[in-house]
Amino acid sequence: MGNKWPTYEDYFRFVQHEWESADPATREELVAELTRLIIEAPGQAVSAEFPMINKITELRPIGQRHRSAGVLTAPVGCRDFLLSADD
């Protein structure tokens, strides 16, 4: 795949582990925050098919690499999840 996961199945298991590592309250907060950010854009809505969990877990390694880039405005539970290293 051109990254640290040799197969998509390995990546998918990583995503599942990342999501399950967050407590339920943080998961709710992450979904609410990403939803808010999407609908904040004029004329935007969140489709029922939007892969919310995948997008949130994809943002975590980005947050880990770019700790000073905007994530500090996220709610505390979101910020903790996005910045914590769990490789």
C-alpha atoms as a PDB file:
ATOM      1  CA  MET A   1       0.000   0.000   0.000  1.00  0.00           C
ATOM      2  CA  GLY A   2       3.008   2.302   0.098  1.00  0.00           C
ATOM      3  CA  ASN A   3       2.859   2.780   3.874  1.00  0.00           C
ATOM      4  CA  LYS A   4       3.526   0.730   7.004  1.00  0.00           C
ATOM      5  CA  TRP A   5       0.601  -1.642   6.321  1.00  0.00           C
ATOM      6  CA  PRO A   6       1.353  -4.325   3.706  1.00  0.00           C
ATOM      7  CA  THR A   7      -2.343  -4.967   3.028  1.00  0.00           C
ATOM      8  CA  TYR A   8      -5.616  -3.100   3.332  1.00  0.00           C
ATOM      9  CA  GLU A   9      -6.713  -5.713   5.861  1.00  0.00           C
ATOM     10  CA  ASP A  10      -3.765  -4.735   8.088  1.00  0.00           C
ATOM     11  CA  TYR A  11      -4.700  -1.072   7.743  1.00  0.00           C
ATOM     12  CA  PHE A  12      -8.358  -1.819   8.527  1.00  0.00           C
ATOM     13  CA  ARG A  13      -7.361  -3.689  11.688  1.00  0.00           C
ATOM     14  CA  PHE A  14      -5.228  -0.694  12.678  1.00  0.00           C
ATOM     15  CA  VAL A  15      -8.238   1.609  12.182  1.00  0.00           C
ATOM     16  CA  GLN A  16     -10.415  -0.683  14.283  1.00  0.00           C
ATOM     17  CA  HIS A  17      -7.806  -0.749  17.050  1.00  0.00           C
ATOM     18  CA  GLU A  18      -7.412   3.033  16.984  1.00  0.00           C
ATOM     19  CA  TRP A  19     -11.160   3.559  17.298  1.00  0.00           C
ATOM     20  CA  GLU A  20     -11.581   0.937  20.021  1.00  0.00           C
ATOM     21  CA  SER A  21      -8.727   2.513  22.000  1.00  0.00           C
ATOM     22  CA  ALA A  22     -10.804   5.646  22.560  1.00  0.00           C
ATOM     23  CA  ASP A  23     -13.351   5.646  25.346  1.00  0.00           C
ATOM     24  CA  PRO A  24     -17.018   5.960  24.275  1.00  0.00           C
ATOM     25  CA  ALA A  25     -17.338   9.582  25.442  1.00  0.00           C
ATOM     26  CA  THR A  26     -14.311  10.576  23.367  1.00  0.00           C
ATOM     27  CA  ARG A  27     -15.699   8.725  20.335  1.00  0.00           C
ATOM     28  CA  GLU A  28     -18.954  10.668  20.624  1.00  0.00           C
ATOM     29  CA  GLU A  29     -17.033  13.918  20.990  1.00  0.00           C
ATOM     30  CA  LEU A  30     -14.873  13.140  17.937  1.00  0.00           C
ATOM     31  CA  VAL A  31     -17.907  12.368  15.762  1.00  0.00           C
ATOM     32  CA  ALA A  32     -19.697  15.515  16.975  1.00  0.00           C
ATOM     33  CA  GLU A  33     -16.657  17.709  16.324  1.00  0.00           C
ATOM     34  CA  LEU A  34     -16.014  16.371  12.812  1.00  0.00           C
ATOM     35  CA  THR A  35     -19.717  16.690  12.019  1.00  0.00           C
ATOM     36  CA  ARG A  36     -19.675  20.295  13.253  1.00  0.00           C
ATOM     37  CA  LEU A  37     -16.652  21.111  11.113  1.00  0.00           C
ATOM     38  CA  ILE A  38     -18.257  19.630   8.003  1.00  0.00           C
ATOM     39  CA  ILE A  39     -21.605  21.363   8.391  1.00  0.00           C
ATOM     40  CA  GLU A  40     -19.884  24.639   9.293  1.00  0.00           C
ATOM     41  CA  ALA A  41     -18.993  24.989   5.597  1.00  0.00           C
ATOM     42  CA  PRO A  42     -21.830  26.725   3.715  1.00  0.00           C
ATOM     43  CA  GLY A  43     -24.236  24.275   2.094  1.00  0.00           C
ATOM     44  CA  GLN A  44     -22.561  21.172   3.466  1.00  0.00           C
ATOM     45  CA  ALA A  45     -24.130  18.185   5.204  1.00  0.00           C
ATOM     46  CA  VAL A  46     -22.881  14.827   6.416  1.00  0.00           C
ATOM     47  CA  SER A  47     -24.044  11.898   4.324  1.00  0.00           C
ATOM     48  CA  ALA A  48     -25.132   8.757   6.150  1.00  0.00           C
ATOM     49  CA  GLU A  49     -22.501   6.910   4.062  1.00  0.00           C
ATOM     50  CA  PHE A  50     -19.652   9.202   5.151  1.00  0.00           C
ATOM     51  CA  PRO A  51     -16.879   7.015   6.656  1.00  0.00           C
ATOM     52  CA  MET A  52     -16.692   9.064   9.879  1.00  0.00           C
ATOM     53  CA  ILE A  53     -14.647   6.578  11.926  1.00  0.00           C
ATOM     54  CA  ASN A  54     -12.144   6.071   9.104  1.00  0.00           C
ATOM     55  CA  LYS A  55     -11.683   9.815   8.669  1.00  0.00           C
ATOM     56  CA  ILE A  56     -11.207  10.374  12.386  1.00  0.00           C
ATOM     57  CA  THR A  57      -8.614   7.621  12.661  1.00  0.00           C
ATOM     58  CA  GLU A  58      -6.868   8.916   9.517  1.00  0.00           C
ATOM     59  CA  LEU A  59      -6.548  12.298  11.227  1.00  0.00           C
ATOM     60  CA  ARG A  60      -4.826  10.817  14.281  1.00  0.00           C
ATOM     61  CA  PRO A  61      -1.413  10.142  12.684  1.00  0.00           C
ATOM     62  CA  ILE A  62      -1.607  13.564  11.012  1.00  0.00           C
ATOM     63  CA  GLY A  63      -2.248  15.136  14.407  1.00  0.00           C
ATOM     64  CA  GLN A  64       0.680  13.240  15.859  1.00  0.00           C
ATOM     65  CA  ARG A  65       3.022  14.534  13.140  1.00  0.00           C
ATOM     66  CA  HIS A  66       1.717  18.115  13.165  1.00  0.00           C
ATOM     67  CA  ARG A  67       0.992  18.803  16.822  1.00  0.00           C
ATOM     68  CA  SER A  68       0.905  22.598  16.429  1.00  0.00           C
ATOM     69  CA  ALA A  69      -1.446  22.742  13.432  1.00  0.00           C
ATOM     70  CA  GLY A  70      -4.925  23.764  14.532  1.00  0.00           C
ATOM     71  CA  VAL A  71      -5.858  20.654  16.498  1.00  0.00           C
ATOM     72  CA  LEU A  72      -5.369  22.619  19.701  1.00  0.00           C
ATOM     73  CA  THR A  73      -8.731  24.300  19.079  1.00  0.00           C
ATOM     74  CA  ALA A  74     -10.499  20.928  19.214  1.00  0.00           C
ATOM     75  CA  PRO A  75     -12.312  19.863  22.389  1.00  0.00           C
ATOM     76  CA  VAL A  76      -9.996  18.291  24.967  1.00  0.00           C
ATOM     77  CA  GLY A  77     -11.075  14.654  24.431  1.00  0.00           C
ATOM     78  CA  CYS A  78     -10.635  15.035  20.683  1.00  0.00           C
ATOM     79  CA  ARG A  79      -7.277  16.736  21.115  1.00  0.00           C
ATOM     80  CA  ASP A  80      -6.033  14.013  23.470  1.00  0.00           C
ATOM     81  CA  PHE A  81      -7.050  11.260  21.055  1.00  0.00           C
ATOM     82  CA  LEU A  82      -5.631  12.987  17.974  1.00  0.00           C
ATOM     83  CA  LEU A  83      -2.298  13.819  19.553  1.00  0.00           C
ATOM     84  CA  SER A  84      -1.614  10.693  21.576  1.00  0.00           C
ATOM     85  CA  ALA A  85       0.863   8.266  20.130  1.00  0.00           C
ATOM     86  CA  ASP A  86      -0.440   4.709  19.967  1.00  0.00           C
ATOM     87  CA  ASP A  87       1.632   3.098  17.220  1.00  0.00           C
END
